[in-house]
Amino acid sequence: MKNIITVMSKEFTRFFTDKRMVVMTLMPAILIYVIYSFMGSILGDVFSPDADHKAVIYSVNTPDSITQVASASGINILNINANDIADIKEKISSKEADLLIVFPQNFDTLISEQISDLSADSASTKPAAPGIEIFYSSTEPNSHQAFMVISGLLESYRTSIFNLFNVTGSDLASSEDFMATMISTMMPMLLMIFLYSGCMALSLESITGEKERGTLATLLVSPLKRSELAAGKILSLVVLSFLSGSITAVATILSLPNLMGAGGDIIDVNIYSAADYVLLAFVILSVLMLMVAMLSIVSAFAKTVKEAGQAATPLMVLVMVVGVSGMFGGGAPTDPAYYLIPLYGSVQSMSGIFALDYSTFNVVIACLSSLLYAGIGGFILTKMFNSEKVMFSK
């Protein structure tokens, strides 16, 4: 028993005196708490209307009865002429307006005739029930929210007068809008995971693997400058990771119809122009450089490939969480400050490009900021290569 206790004491001492091992042990619990809190916060706001957004609702032939019902609910409806219907539909498609309601002329008079008919002889000819048509865009959260509110309001009023009119919803979102929204929801997260996985496999072997085998030490004692070694490692890893990630991304896009259970005629990636693909390539290249820089630092710090893999796992969770953020929030933000955030700015750029709703200026900011952070990472990696304690630790 004494020998067993001695062995246990030795193992406990080795564990609690190794700060990296303690951190890696506690990290899963911390990450689970952070991730669940983050996801709960996001999911709680997914279907909520924007706090600062005031619905812009237009109406044709607005009857007094509906105006009174809407005013009582705090809803402001802007009355327009029938000649402006096409312009308002265009505004809804371009997100400048949320909703258009088209009432038949003399709606209240038609309803009165319906009510009078209820007390008339059942053999008499009944007038046709008037119809109300609502135009909205299902791919725009604010428009869809306004549609749900107005539909509920009209349904309540319709029930109160014995269902004497009909309500029809017309979605102005095109098939291209639907496809862009669907792809923008999934692809940023998948791309981030694929890109990071490729970087992780290559970076750990290129730096920690050579460090563990002793081949990196040979390079360090050669006439080659440490800064040149760091730059060569990062750039080569970026190129290889880009090839790996590109192949996976193309395969994912081509398999989207099967993934969604839809036919190939429904999902068409030809909705994107050459300029969209060029911007996407710049975003991917810049975020790849950042990922490689991050993983290279982790790899240089670790003693073995196994230890490097354990240390890189929290970064993968972080990448996944940031990638998931592209699925929520009602589209890419317009504030350029968001695009200065590492990884997050790249995800939002991808989301905007795939949704065909992005600012080129913001995308450029995201790319430049990623390159800046990657440059800082390369500088740190050079300093680590210059440290004998870090590179030759056992």
Protein backbone atom coordinates (compact mmCIF):
# COMPACT_ATOMS: atom_id res chain seq x y z
CA MET A 1 0.00 0.00 0.00
CA LYS A 2 2.90 2.30 0.78
CA ASN A 3 4.32 1.84 -2.70
CA ILE A 4 0.93 2.49 -4.28
CA ILE A 5 0.58 5.72 -2.31
CA THR A 6 4.09 6.73 -3.40
CA VAL A 7 3.23 6.20 -7.06
CA MET A 8 -0.05 8.11 -6.66
CA SER A 9 1.77 10.94 -4.91
CA LYS A 10 4.27 11.14 -7.75
CA GLU A 11 1.50 11.27 -10.36
CA PHE A 12 -0.43 13.92 -8.40
CA THR A 13 2.73 16.00 -8.08
CA ARG A 14 3.46 15.71 -11.79
CA PHE A 15 -0.11 16.75 -12.64
CA PHE A 16 -0.54 19.70 -10.26
CA THR A 17 2.92 21.11 -10.98
CA ASP A 18 2.30 21.06 -14.73
CA LYS A 19 0.25 24.20 -15.39
CA ARG A 20 -0.51 23.24 -18.96
CA MET A 21 -1.96 19.89 -17.91
CA VAL A 22 -4.14 21.54 -15.24
CA VAL A 23 -5.44 24.09 -17.73
CA MET A 24 -6.20 21.43 -20.34
CA THR A 25 -8.11 19.42 -17.72
CA LEU A 26 -10.24 22.37 -16.66
CA MET A 27 -10.72 23.70 -20.18
CA PRO A 28 -13.58 21.35 -21.27
CA ALA A 29 -15.74 22.37 -18.30
CA ILE A 30 -15.05 26.06 -18.89
CA LEU A 31 -15.73 25.75 -22.61
CA ILE A 32 -19.00 23.90 -22.06
CA TYR A 33 -20.21 26.66 -19.75
CA VAL A 34 -19.15 29.42 -22.13
CA ILE A 35 -20.53 27.71 -25.24
CA TYR A 36 -23.90 26.86 -23.68
CA SER A 37 -24.23 30.39 -22.32
CA PHE A 38 -23.31 31.84 -25.71
CA MET A 39 -25.68 29.57 -27.62
CA GLY A 40 -28.50 30.22 -25.18
CA SER A 41 -28.06 33.96 -25.58
CA ILE A 42 -28.10 33.69 -29.37
CA LEU A 43 -31.03 31.31 -29.58
CA GLY A 44 -33.02 33.57 -27.29
CA ASP A 45 -32.73 36.41 -29.82
CA VAL A 46 -33.14 34.50 -33.08
CA PHE A 47 -36.87 35.09 -33.50
CA SER A 48 -37.04 38.43 -31.70
CA PRO A 49 -37.54 41.63 -33.71
CA ASP A 50 -34.78 44.19 -33.80
CA ALA A 51 -35.12 46.45 -30.80
CA ASP A 52 -34.25 49.56 -32.80
CA HIS A 53 -36.31 48.72 -35.87
CA LYS A 54 -39.70 50.29 -36.49
CA ALA A 55 -41.73 48.41 -39.06
CA VAL A 56 -42.42 50.30 -42.29
CA ILE A 57 -45.88 49.17 -43.42
CA TYR A 58 -47.68 50.49 -46.49
CA SER A 59 -51.30 49.97 -47.43
CA VAL A 60 -53.60 50.57 -50.42
CA ASN A 61 -57.26 51.52 -49.87
CA THR A 62 -56.85 51.35 -46.10
CA PRO A 63 -60.34 51.16 -44.53
CA ASP A 64 -61.17 53.13 -41.40
CA SER A 65 -61.97 49.95 -39.50
CA ILE A 66 -58.47 48.51 -40.04
CA THR A 67 -56.84 51.86 -39.28
CA GLN A 68 -58.60 51.95 -35.93
CA VAL A 69 -57.65 48.34 -35.12
CA ALA A 70 -54.00 48.96 -36.07
CA SER A 71 -53.81 52.23 -34.10
CA ALA A 72 -55.18 50.49 -31.03
CA SER A 73 -52.30 48.02 -31.31
CA GLY A 74 -49.70 50.78 -31.79
CA ILE A 75 -49.12 49.97 -35.48
CA ASN A 76 -48.66 52.82 -37.94
CA ILE A 77 -49.84 52.11 -41.50
CA LEU A 78 -48.87 54.45 -44.35
CA ASN A 79 -51.58 54.76 -46.99
CA ILE A 80 -50.46 54.92 -50.65
CA ASN A 81 -52.05 54.95 -54.10
CA ALA A 82 -52.49 51.83 -56.19
CA ASN A 83 -50.02 53.26 -58.70
CA ASP A 84 -47.24 52.91 -56.12
CA ILE A 85 -47.66 49.17 -55.54
CA ALA A 86 -44.78 48.18 -57.83
CA ASP A 87 -42.42 50.66 -56.16
CA ILE A 88 -43.28 49.43 -52.66
CA LYS A 89 -42.77 45.80 -53.71
CA GLU A 90 -39.30 46.78 -54.92
CA LYS A 91 -38.62 48.47 -51.59
CA ILE A 92 -39.62 45.31 -49.73
CA SER A 93 -37.25 43.24 -51.87
CA SER A 94 -34.43 45.73 -51.19
CA LYS A 95 -35.23 45.85 -47.44
CA GLU A 96 -36.30 49.50 -47.54
CA ALA A 97 -39.85 48.57 -46.52
CA ASP A 98 -41.29 45.67 -44.52
CA LEU A 99 -44.86 45.11 -45.64
CA LEU A 100 -47.54 46.05 -48.19
CA ILE A 101 -51.24 45.45 -47.58
CA VAL A 102 -53.65 45.73 -50.50
CA PHE A 103 -57.33 46.14 -49.58
CA PRO A 104 -60.20 46.11 -52.10
CA GLN A 105 -61.90 49.41 -52.68
CA ASN A 106 -64.76 50.17 -50.29
CA PHE A 107 -63.72 47.38 -47.97
CA ASP A 108 -65.97 48.53 -45.11
CA THR A 109 -68.95 48.77 -47.48
CA LEU A 110 -68.36 45.22 -48.69
CA ILE A 111 -68.18 43.98 -45.11
CA SER A 112 -71.44 45.78 -44.30
CA GLU A 113 -73.08 44.02 -47.25
CA GLN A 114 -71.83 40.72 -45.91
CA ILE A 115 -73.26 41.45 -42.49
CA SER A 116 -76.59 42.47 -44.03
CA ASP A 117 -76.62 39.26 -46.02
CA LEU A 118 -76.39 37.24 -42.81
CA SER A 119 -79.86 38.46 -41.80
CA ALA A 120 -81.32 38.26 -45.32
CA ASP A 121 -83.11 35.34 -46.93
CA SER A 122 -80.71 32.39 -47.30
CA ALA A 123 -81.89 31.94 -50.88
CA SER A 124 -80.55 35.33 -51.91
CA THR A 125 -77.30 35.60 -53.80
CA LYS A 126 -74.36 36.16 -51.42
CA PRO A 127 -71.70 38.70 -52.42
CA ALA A 128 -68.18 37.38 -52.75
CA ALA A 129 -66.08 37.74 -49.62
CA PRO A 130 -63.54 40.56 -50.05
CA GLY A 131 -59.90 39.54 -50.06
CA ILE A 132 -56.83 41.20 -48.51
CA GLU A 133 -53.38 40.51 -49.91
CA ILE A 134 -50.19 40.99 -47.88
CA PHE A 135 -46.79 41.26 -49.55
CA TYR A 136 -43.63 40.51 -47.54
CA SER A 137 -40.18 38.91 -47.78
CA SER A 138 -39.62 35.68 -45.87
CA THR A 139 -35.83 36.02 -46.09
CA GLU A 140 -35.85 39.35 -44.21
CA PRO A 141 -36.48 38.87 -40.46
CA ASN A 142 -38.04 42.29 -39.94
CA SER A 143 -40.41 41.83 -42.87
CA HIS A 144 -41.40 38.35 -41.74
CA GLN A 145 -41.98 39.65 -38.21
CA ALA A 146 -44.22 42.43 -39.53
CA PHE A 147 -46.14 39.87 -41.61
CA MET A 148 -46.77 37.71 -38.55
CA VAL A 149 -47.98 40.70 -36.52
CA ILE A 150 -50.32 42.05 -39.23
CA SER A 151 -51.62 38.57 -40.09
CA GLY A 152 -52.48 37.98 -36.45
CA LEU A 153 -54.14 41.37 -36.20
CA LEU A 154 -56.27 40.81 -39.31
CA GLU A 155 -57.11 37.26 -38.23
CA SER A 156 -58.39 38.51 -34.89
CA TYR A 157 -60.52 41.14 -36.63
CA ARG A 158 -61.77 38.58 -39.17
CA THR A 159 -62.87 36.25 -36.39
CA SER A 160 -64.72 39.04 -34.62
CA ILE A 161 -66.89 39.72 -37.73
CA PHE A 162 -67.73 36.10 -38.55
CA ASN A 163 -64.90 35.48 -41.06
CA LEU A 164 -66.37 37.82 -43.66
CA PHE A 165 -63.12 38.40 -45.57
CA ASN A 166 -60.06 36.42 -46.66
CA VAL A 167 -56.35 37.12 -46.13
CA THR A 168 -53.65 35.96 -48.55
CA GLY A 169 -49.89 36.25 -48.00
CA SER A 170 -47.56 36.75 -50.99
CA ASP A 171 -43.85 36.17 -50.45
CA LEU A 172 -41.73 38.52 -52.57
CA ALA A 173 -38.50 36.64 -51.83
CA SER A 174 -37.11 35.15 -55.04
CA SER A 175 -35.67 31.66 -55.39
CA GLU A 176 -32.22 33.28 -55.54
CA ASP A 177 -32.90 35.02 -52.21
CA PHE A 178 -34.02 31.73 -50.69
CA MET A 179 -30.94 29.90 -51.93
CA ALA A 180 -28.59 32.67 -50.84
CA THR A 181 -30.13 32.75 -47.38
CA MET A 182 -29.97 28.98 -47.00
CA ILE A 183 -26.35 28.75 -48.18
CA SER A 184 -25.27 31.74 -46.06
CA THR A 185 -26.72 30.04 -43.00
CA MET A 186 -24.69 26.86 -43.37
CA MET A 187 -21.54 27.56 -45.35
CA PRO A 188 -19.66 30.00 -43.05
CA MET A 189 -19.73 27.51 -40.18
CA LEU A 190 -18.78 24.57 -42.41
CA LEU A 191 -16.00 26.52 -44.10
CA MET A 192 -14.50 27.62 -40.79
CA ILE A 193 -14.50 24.05 -39.50
CA PHE A 194 -13.01 22.64 -42.71
CA LEU A 195 -10.35 25.34 -42.94
CA TYR A 196 -9.34 24.95 -39.31
CA SER A 197 -9.22 21.16 -39.53
CA GLY A 198 -6.91 21.37 -42.52
CA CYS A 199 -4.70 23.96 -40.81
CA MET A 200 -4.59 21.91 -37.64
CA ALA A 201 -3.47 18.71 -39.33
CA LEU A 202 -0.76 20.47 -41.33
CA SER A 203 0.50 22.92 -38.69
CA LEU A 204 0.95 20.40 -35.91
CA GLU A 205 2.97 18.07 -38.12
CA SER A 206 5.02 20.85 -39.72
CA ILE A 207 6.20 22.43 -36.48
CA THR A 208 5.57 20.16 -33.47
CA GLY A 209 6.22 17.02 -35.52
CA GLU A 210 9.59 18.28 -36.68
CA LYS A 211 10.33 19.58 -33.21
CA GLU A 212 9.57 16.16 -31.70
CA ARG A 213 11.67 14.35 -34.31
CA GLY A 214 14.57 16.80 -33.92
CA THR A 215 14.58 17.97 -37.54
CA LEU A 216 13.46 21.48 -36.57
CA ALA A 217 16.57 21.86 -34.42
CA THR A 218 18.70 21.32 -37.54
CA LEU A 219 16.90 24.18 -39.29
CA LEU A 220 17.31 26.44 -36.28
CA VAL A 221 21.10 26.05 -36.22
CA SER A 222 21.42 26.62 -39.97
CA PRO A 223 22.36 30.06 -41.45
CA LEU A 224 18.65 30.59 -42.15
CA LYS A 225 17.17 33.52 -40.22
CA ARG A 226 14.51 32.62 -37.68
CA SER A 227 12.13 35.21 -39.19
CA GLU A 228 12.59 33.64 -42.63
CA LEU A 229 11.90 30.21 -41.18
CA ALA A 230 8.71 31.45 -39.50
CA ALA A 231 7.51 33.20 -42.67
CA GLY A 232 8.27 30.16 -44.83
CA LYS A 233 6.40 27.86 -42.46
CA ILE A 234 3.33 30.11 -42.31
CA LEU A 235 3.10 30.81 -46.04
CA SER A 236 3.57 27.18 -47.06
CA LEU A 237 0.96 26.07 -44.56
CA VAL A 238 -1.45 28.73 -45.85
CA VAL A 239 -1.10 27.49 -49.43
CA LEU A 240 -1.54 23.83 -48.47
CA SER A 241 -4.46 24.65 -46.15
CA PHE A 242 -6.10 26.73 -48.87
CA LEU A 243 -5.92 23.82 -51.30
CA SER A 244 -7.32 21.43 -48.72
CA GLY A 245 -10.07 23.80 -47.64
CA SER A 246 -11.01 24.74 -51.21
CA ILE A 247 -11.46 21.13 -52.27
CA THR A 248 -13.62 20.45 -49.24
CA ALA A 249 -15.64 23.63 -49.73
CA VAL A 250 -16.36 22.83 -53.38
CA ALA A 251 -17.42 19.31 -52.46
CA THR A 252 -19.71 20.72 -49.75
CA ILE A 253 -21.36 23.22 -52.11
CA LEU A 254 -21.95 20.52 -54.73
CA SER A 255 -23.48 18.22 -52.12
CA LEU A 256 -25.84 20.85 -50.67
CA PRO A 257 -28.85 19.62 -52.70
CA ASN A 258 -28.43 16.12 -51.27
CA LEU A 259 -27.81 17.49 -47.78
CA MET A 260 -31.04 19.50 -47.85
CA GLY A 261 -33.03 16.69 -49.39
CA ALA A 262 -33.78 18.84 -52.42
CA GLY A 263 -33.28 18.36 -56.13
CA GLY A 264 -30.39 19.89 -57.97
CA ASP A 265 -32.81 22.26 -59.72
CA ILE A 266 -33.66 23.98 -56.43
CA ILE A 267 -30.16 24.84 -55.23
CA ASP A 268 -28.04 26.59 -57.83
CA VAL A 269 -24.67 28.11 -56.94
CA ASN A 270 -24.65 30.04 -60.22
CA ILE A 271 -26.40 32.89 -58.39
CA TYR A 272 -22.92 34.12 -57.40
CA SER A 273 -20.80 36.28 -59.69
CA ALA A 274 -17.06 36.12 -60.30
CA ALA A 275 -16.60 39.16 -58.03
CA ASP A 276 -18.34 37.31 -55.20
CA TYR A 277 -15.99 34.35 -55.56
CA VAL A 278 -12.94 36.62 -55.69
CA LEU A 279 -13.95 38.37 -52.46
CA LEU A 280 -14.67 35.02 -50.85
CA ALA A 281 -11.21 33.77 -51.86
CA PHE A 282 -9.59 36.83 -50.24
CA VAL A 283 -11.57 36.27 -47.04
CA ILE A 284 -10.57 32.60 -46.94
CA LEU A 285 -6.90 33.35 -47.59
CA SER A 286 -6.75 36.03 -44.90
CA VAL A 287 -8.50 33.94 -42.25
CA LEU A 288 -6.31 30.97 -43.19
CA MET A 289 -3.20 33.04 -42.46
CA LEU A 290 -4.66 33.94 -39.08
CA MET A 291 -5.53 30.32 -38.29
CA VAL A 292 -2.09 29.11 -39.34
CA ALA A 293 -0.42 31.78 -37.21
CA MET A 294 -2.52 30.77 -34.18
CA LEU A 295 -1.86 27.08 -34.63
CA SER A 296 1.83 27.64 -35.34
CA ILE A 297 2.21 29.40 -32.00
CA VAL A 298 0.43 26.51 -30.26
CA SER A 299 2.59 24.00 -32.13
CA ALA A 300 5.84 25.80 -31.28
CA PHE A 301 4.90 25.95 -27.61
CA ALA A 302 3.94 22.25 -27.34
CA LYS A 303 6.50 19.55 -26.71
CA THR A 304 4.76 16.72 -28.58
CA VAL A 305 2.17 16.37 -31.33
CA LYS A 306 -0.25 14.88 -28.83
CA GLU A 307 0.14 17.84 -26.50
CA ALA A 308 -0.24 20.25 -29.42
CA GLY A 309 -3.45 18.52 -30.47
CA GLN A 310 -4.86 18.88 -26.97
CA ALA A 311 -3.92 22.55 -26.87
CA ALA A 312 -5.47 23.16 -30.30
CA THR A 313 -8.83 21.66 -29.34
CA PRO A 314 -10.07 24.75 -27.44
CA LEU A 315 -9.23 26.84 -30.50
CA MET A 316 -11.34 24.51 -32.63
CA VAL A 317 -14.28 24.97 -30.25
CA LEU A 318 -13.78 28.73 -30.49
CA VAL A 319 -13.79 28.54 -34.29
CA MET A 320 -16.98 26.47 -34.22
CA VAL A 321 -18.72 28.94 -31.91
CA VAL A 322 -17.72 31.89 -34.08
CA GLY A 323 -18.83 29.95 -37.17
CA VAL A 324 -22.23 29.29 -35.63
CA SER A 325 -22.68 33.05 -35.11
CA GLY A 326 -23.12 33.39 -38.87
CA MET A 327 -26.36 31.39 -38.63
CA PHE A 328 -28.10 34.00 -36.50
CA GLY A 329 -28.54 37.72 -36.27
CA GLY A 330 -30.53 38.49 -39.44
CA GLY A 331 -27.62 38.99 -41.81
CA ALA A 332 -24.15 40.47 -41.76
CA PRO A 333 -23.79 43.60 -39.58
CA THR A 334 -23.19 46.94 -41.28
CA ASP A 335 -20.96 48.47 -38.59
CA PRO A 336 -17.30 48.20 -39.76
CA ALA A 337 -16.16 47.74 -36.14
CA TYR A 338 -17.49 44.16 -36.13
CA TYR A 339 -15.14 43.27 -38.96
CA LEU A 340 -12.11 44.13 -36.85
CA ILE A 341 -12.86 41.20 -34.51
CA PRO A 342 -10.59 38.23 -35.29
CA LEU A 343 -12.40 35.30 -36.95
CA TYR A 344 -15.83 36.87 -36.32
CA GLY A 345 -15.29 39.50 -39.01
CA SER A 346 -14.34 36.81 -41.51
CA VAL A 347 -17.43 34.74 -40.67
CA GLN A 348 -19.70 37.75 -41.13
CA SER A 349 -17.98 38.55 -44.42
CA MET A 350 -18.62 35.00 -45.65
CA SER A 351 -22.23 35.21 -44.47
CA GLY A 352 -22.77 38.49 -46.31
CA ILE A 353 -21.16 37.24 -49.52
CA PHE A 354 -23.20 34.03 -49.54
CA ALA A 355 -26.37 36.03 -48.77
CA LEU A 356 -25.58 38.47 -51.61
CA ASP A 357 -25.90 41.29 -49.11
CA TYR A 358 -22.50 42.67 -48.15
CA SER A 359 -20.38 45.80 -48.11
CA THR A 360 -17.13 45.49 -50.04
CA PHE A 361 -15.59 48.01 -47.65
CA ASN A 362 -16.42 45.84 -44.63
CA VAL A 363 -15.10 42.72 -46.36
CA VAL A 364 -11.82 44.50 -47.09
CA ILE A 365 -11.60 45.58 -43.44
CA ALA A 366 -12.07 41.97 -42.33
CA CYS A 367 -9.33 40.76 -44.70
CA LEU A 368 -6.86 43.45 -43.68
CA SER A 369 -7.50 42.94 -39.97
CA SER A 370 -6.97 39.17 -40.34
CA LEU A 371 -3.69 39.82 -42.15
CA LEU A 372 -2.65 42.24 -39.41
CA TYR A 373 -3.38 39.70 -36.68
CA ALA A 374 -1.59 37.02 -38.70
CA GLY A 375 1.43 39.33 -38.96
CA ILE A 376 1.40 39.78 -35.18
CA GLY A 377 1.22 36.01 -34.85
CA GLY A 378 4.17 35.61 -37.19
CA PHE A 379 6.15 38.09 -35.10
CA ILE A 380 5.35 36.10 -31.95
CA LEU A 381 6.32 32.86 -33.71
CA THR A 382 9.66 34.39 -34.70
CA LYS A 383 10.31 35.32 -31.07
CA MET A 384 9.47 31.76 -30.06
CA PHE A 385 11.89 30.39 -32.65
CA ASN A 386 14.56 32.66 -31.16
CA SER A 387 13.92 31.23 -27.69
CA GLU A 388 16.12 28.22 -26.97
CA LYS A 389 13.99 27.40 -23.95
CA VAL A 390 10.85 27.08 -26.02
CA MET A 391 12.31 25.29 -29.04
CA PHE A 392 14.57 22.82 -27.26
CA SER A 393 12.38 22.07 -24.20
CA LYS A 394 11.89 18.45 -23.39
